[in-house]
Protein backbone atom coordinates (compact mmCIF):
# COMPACT_ATOMS: atom_id res chain seq x y z
CA UNK A 1 -4.24 5.51 2.37
CA UNK A 2 -3.46 3.06 -0.35
CA UNK A 3 -4.61 2.82 -4.29
CA UNK A 4 -5.08 -0.19 -5.69
CA UNK A 5 -6.37 -2.31 -8.57
CA UNK A 6 -8.07 -5.52 -9.06
CA UNK A 7 -8.45 -7.05 -12.32
CA UNK A 8 -8.52 -9.69 -14.95
CA UNK A 9 -7.92 -8.85 -18.97
CA UNK A 10 -7.53 -10.83 -21.86
CA UNK A 11 -4.13 -11.76 -20.77
CA UNK A 12 -5.07 -13.19 -17.60
CA UNK A 13 -8.61 -14.80 -18.32
CA UNK A 14 -10.46 -16.54 -21.08
CA UNK A 15 -13.38 -15.20 -22.39
CA UNK A 16 -16.09 -16.83 -20.02
CA UNK A 17 -14.34 -15.99 -17.55
CA UNK A 18 -14.28 -12.12 -18.22
CA UNK A 19 -17.98 -12.38 -19.56
CA UNK A 20 -18.86 -14.43 -15.72
CA UNK A 21 -17.32 -10.91 -13.89
CA UNK A 22 -18.14 -7.96 -16.41
CA UNK A 23 -20.37 -5.25 -15.23
CA UNK A 24 -22.95 -4.08 -17.52
CA UNK A 25 -24.25 -0.67 -17.81
CA UNK A 26 -27.49 -1.74 -15.79
CA UNK A 27 -25.60 -3.34 -12.86
CA UNK A 28 -22.70 -0.84 -12.73
CA UNK A 29 -24.11 2.08 -10.72
CA UNK A 30 -25.51 -0.89 -8.47
CA UNK A 31 -21.70 -2.29 -7.97
CA UNK A 32 -20.22 1.07 -7.81
CA UNK A 33 -22.35 1.88 -4.62
CA UNK A 34 -22.01 -1.82 -3.57
CA UNK A 35 -18.27 -1.28 -3.15
CA UNK A 36 -18.45 2.07 -1.58
CA UNK A 37 -20.41 0.82 1.09
CA UNK A 38 -17.58 -1.04 2.61
CA UNK A 39 -16.09 1.28 5.60
CA UNK A 40 -12.51 0.95 3.85
CA UNK A 41 -13.69 2.13 0.42
CA UNK A 42 -13.31 5.79 0.21
CA UNK A 43 -13.74 5.98 -3.58
CA UNK A 44 -14.05 3.52 -6.39
CA UNK A 45 -13.92 3.41 -10.59
CA UNK A 46 -14.98 -0.06 -12.54
CA UNK A 47 -13.68 -0.44 -15.65
CA UNK A 48 -15.49 -2.90 -17.48
CA UNK A 49 -14.88 -3.71 -21.10
CA UNK A 50 -15.43 -6.91 -23.68
CA UNK A 51 -11.48 -7.54 -23.03
CA UNK A 52 -11.17 -6.49 -19.14
CA UNK A 53 -12.76 -5.52 -16.02
CA UNK A 54 -10.64 -3.76 -13.58
CA UNK A 55 -11.25 -1.90 -10.22
CA UNK A 56 -9.74 0.76 -8.93
CA UNK A 57 -9.96 1.93 -5.25
CA UNK A 58 -8.75 4.53 -2.85
CA UNK A 59 -8.35 2.55 0.27
CA UNK A 60 -8.06 2.67 4.13
CA UNK A 61 -4.50 1.44 4.78
CA UNK A 62 -3.75 -2.41 4.69
CA UNK A 63 -7.27 -3.43 2.94
CA UNK A 64 -6.45 -4.10 -0.61
CA UNK A 65 -8.05 -7.69 0.08
CA UNK A 66 -11.42 -6.23 0.78
CA UNK A 67 -11.60 -5.89 -3.34
CA UNK A 68 -11.33 -9.62 -4.11
CA UNK A 69 -13.44 -10.71 -1.73
CA UNK A 70 -15.83 -7.89 -3.02
CA UNK A 71 -15.65 -9.43 -6.08
CA UNK A 72 -16.24 -12.75 -5.62
CA UNK A 73 -19.13 -12.13 -3.39
CA UNK A 74 -21.13 -9.95 -5.67
CA UNK A 75 -20.72 -12.23 -8.86
CA UNK A 76 -21.53 -14.75 -6.70
CA UNK A 77 -18.67 -16.93 -6.93
CA UNK A 78 -17.01 -19.13 -4.43
CA UNK A 79 -13.93 -17.45 -2.38
CA UNK A 80 -10.87 -17.88 -4.14
CA UNK A 81 -12.60 -19.08 -7.59
CA UNK A 82 -11.20 -16.21 -9.72
CA UNK A 83 -8.10 -15.83 -7.73
CA UNK A 84 -5.58 -17.61 -10.77
CA UNK A 85 -6.96 -14.97 -12.88
CA UNK A 86 -7.18 -11.56 -11.26
CA UNK A 87 -4.06 -9.22 -10.59
CA UNK A 88 -3.81 -6.78 -8.24
CA UNK A 89 -1.64 -3.38 -8.54
CA UNK A 90 -0.97 -1.28 -5.46
CA UNK A 91 0.13 2.45 -5.19
CA UNK A 92 2.39 3.68 -7.66
CA UNK A 93 2.14 -0.05 -9.87
CA UNK A 94 -1.51 0.98 -9.67
CA UNK A 95 -1.18 4.25 -11.14
CA UNK A 96 1.48 3.01 -14.00
CA UNK A 97 -1.24 0.46 -14.70
CA UNK A 98 -3.83 2.77 -15.17
CA UNK A 99 -1.46 5.05 -17.52
CA UNK A 100 -0.57 1.81 -19.75
CA UNK A 101 -4.28 0.89 -20.10
CA UNK A 102 -5.31 4.41 -20.98
CA UNK A 103 -2.51 4.92 -23.64
CA UNK A 104 -3.85 1.25 -25.42
CA UNK A 105 -0.49 -0.01 -24.31
CA UNK A 106 -1.91 -3.01 -22.35
CA UNK A 107 -4.51 -3.92 -24.98
CA UNK A 108 -4.94 -6.51 -27.12
CA UNK A 109 -4.16 -4.96 -30.25
CA UNK A 110 -1.32 -2.22 -29.04
CA UNK A 111 -2.59 1.32 -28.99
CA UNK A 112 -6.29 0.58 -29.63
CA UNK A 113 -7.93 4.28 -29.15
CA UNK A 114 -11.63 2.79 -27.48
CA UNK A 115 -10.24 2.14 -24.14
CA UNK A 116 -9.65 5.85 -23.93
CA UNK A 117 -13.37 6.35 -24.33
CA UNK A 118 -13.99 3.31 -22.26
CA UNK A 119 -12.20 4.83 -19.34
CA UNK A 120 -13.66 8.08 -19.82
CA UNK A 121 -17.31 6.41 -19.42
CA UNK A 122 -16.25 4.85 -16.37
CA UNK A 123 -15.21 7.42 -14.46
CA UNK A 124 -18.42 9.65 -15.76
CA UNK A 125 -20.26 6.64 -14.30
CA UNK A 126 -18.11 6.92 -11.12
CA UNK A 127 -18.84 10.65 -10.58
CA UNK A 128 -22.41 10.31 -11.06
CA UNK A 129 -22.73 7.55 -8.66
CA UNK A 130 -20.37 9.92 -6.08
CA UNK A 131 -17.84 7.00 -5.96
CA UNK A 132 -15.23 9.38 -7.32
CA UNK A 133 -13.50 11.95 -4.51
CA UNK A 134 -10.53 14.08 -5.27
CA UNK A 135 -7.55 11.32 -5.31
CA UNK A 136 -9.16 9.06 -8.28
CA UNK A 137 -10.88 12.03 -10.02
CA UNK A 138 -7.04 13.98 -10.05
CA UNK A 139 -5.40 10.57 -11.23
CA UNK A 140 -7.87 9.75 -13.82
CA UNK A 141 -7.99 13.09 -15.33
CA UNK A 142 -3.68 12.53 -15.35
CA UNK A 143 -4.18 9.43 -17.12
CA UNK A 144 -6.51 11.38 -19.96
CA UNK A 145 -4.30 13.83 -20.30
CA UNK A 146 -0.93 11.39 -20.72
CA UNK A 147 -3.10 9.43 -22.87
CA UNK A 148 -3.74 12.28 -25.05
CA UNK A 149 -0.31 13.38 -25.05
CA UNK A 150 0.86 10.17 -25.88
CA UNK A 151 -1.20 9.90 -28.83
CA UNK A 152 -0.09 13.35 -30.09
CA UNK A 153 3.62 12.55 -29.80
CA UNK A 154 3.96 8.72 -30.82
CA UNK A 155 3.12 7.35 -34.13
CA UNK A 156 0.51 4.67 -32.03
CA UNK A 157 -2.67 6.13 -32.92
CA UNK A 158 -1.66 6.66 -36.55
CA UNK A 159 -2.94 3.19 -38.00
CA UNK A 160 -5.73 2.04 -38.14
CA UNK A 161 -6.15 -0.72 -35.09
CA UNK A 162 -8.73 -3.25 -34.53
CA UNK A 163 -8.17 -7.42 -34.17
CA UNK A 164 -9.91 -7.58 -37.29
CA UNK A 165 -7.47 -5.36 -39.32
CA UNK A 166 -4.39 -6.44 -37.50
CA UNK A 167 -5.24 -10.35 -38.36
CA UNK A 168 -5.73 -9.21 -42.29
CA UNK A 169 -2.48 -7.20 -42.19
CA UNK A 170 -0.44 -10.70 -40.92
CA UNK A 171 -2.44 -12.51 -43.69
CA UNK A 172 -1.34 -10.50 -46.46
CA UNK A 173 2.38 -10.48 -45.28
CA UNK A 174 2.45 -14.20 -45.35
CA UNK A 175 -0.25 -15.07 -48.33
CA UNK A 176 0.71 -13.41 -51.33
CA UNK A 177 -3.07 -13.82 -52.44
CA UNK A 178 -6.05 -13.48 -50.48
CA UNK A 179 -9.18 -13.72 -53.50
């Protein structure tokens, strides 16, 4: 058995690519059910936001390439068309990636708090669709605990964060008067 993460984000793909493979709320249950129908997919969670789409799966051994194939097919993309934008993490690297994302360390604005709520929403959707089992369930619960602990023990959540807030702050540093 292996744990894998396939995804794209603001670092790897332009907006139009991210929009093409995003899963909106209406499509997400259908996508999860479709993914779970594959005999090698044991558990699955899909996190889809404006800045990332990530597929977390617990799979039978040596079949992680099925996720890329499924993603291409589901979004009616030619085989390999998304490959230059996709990243794949396996086992410990996939777990480490989930923890970084949940803590806001992999966000466009470092420490942004919305991602944790978005991951919790994806977790709930997978639970409701019955694509979440004991393995991913425990892993995601651990990620929630770690993210909360990071916010409690560090200053990562002390400042208001957004792209707009960061842009205004930077502009104030560069220009003495914004009037």
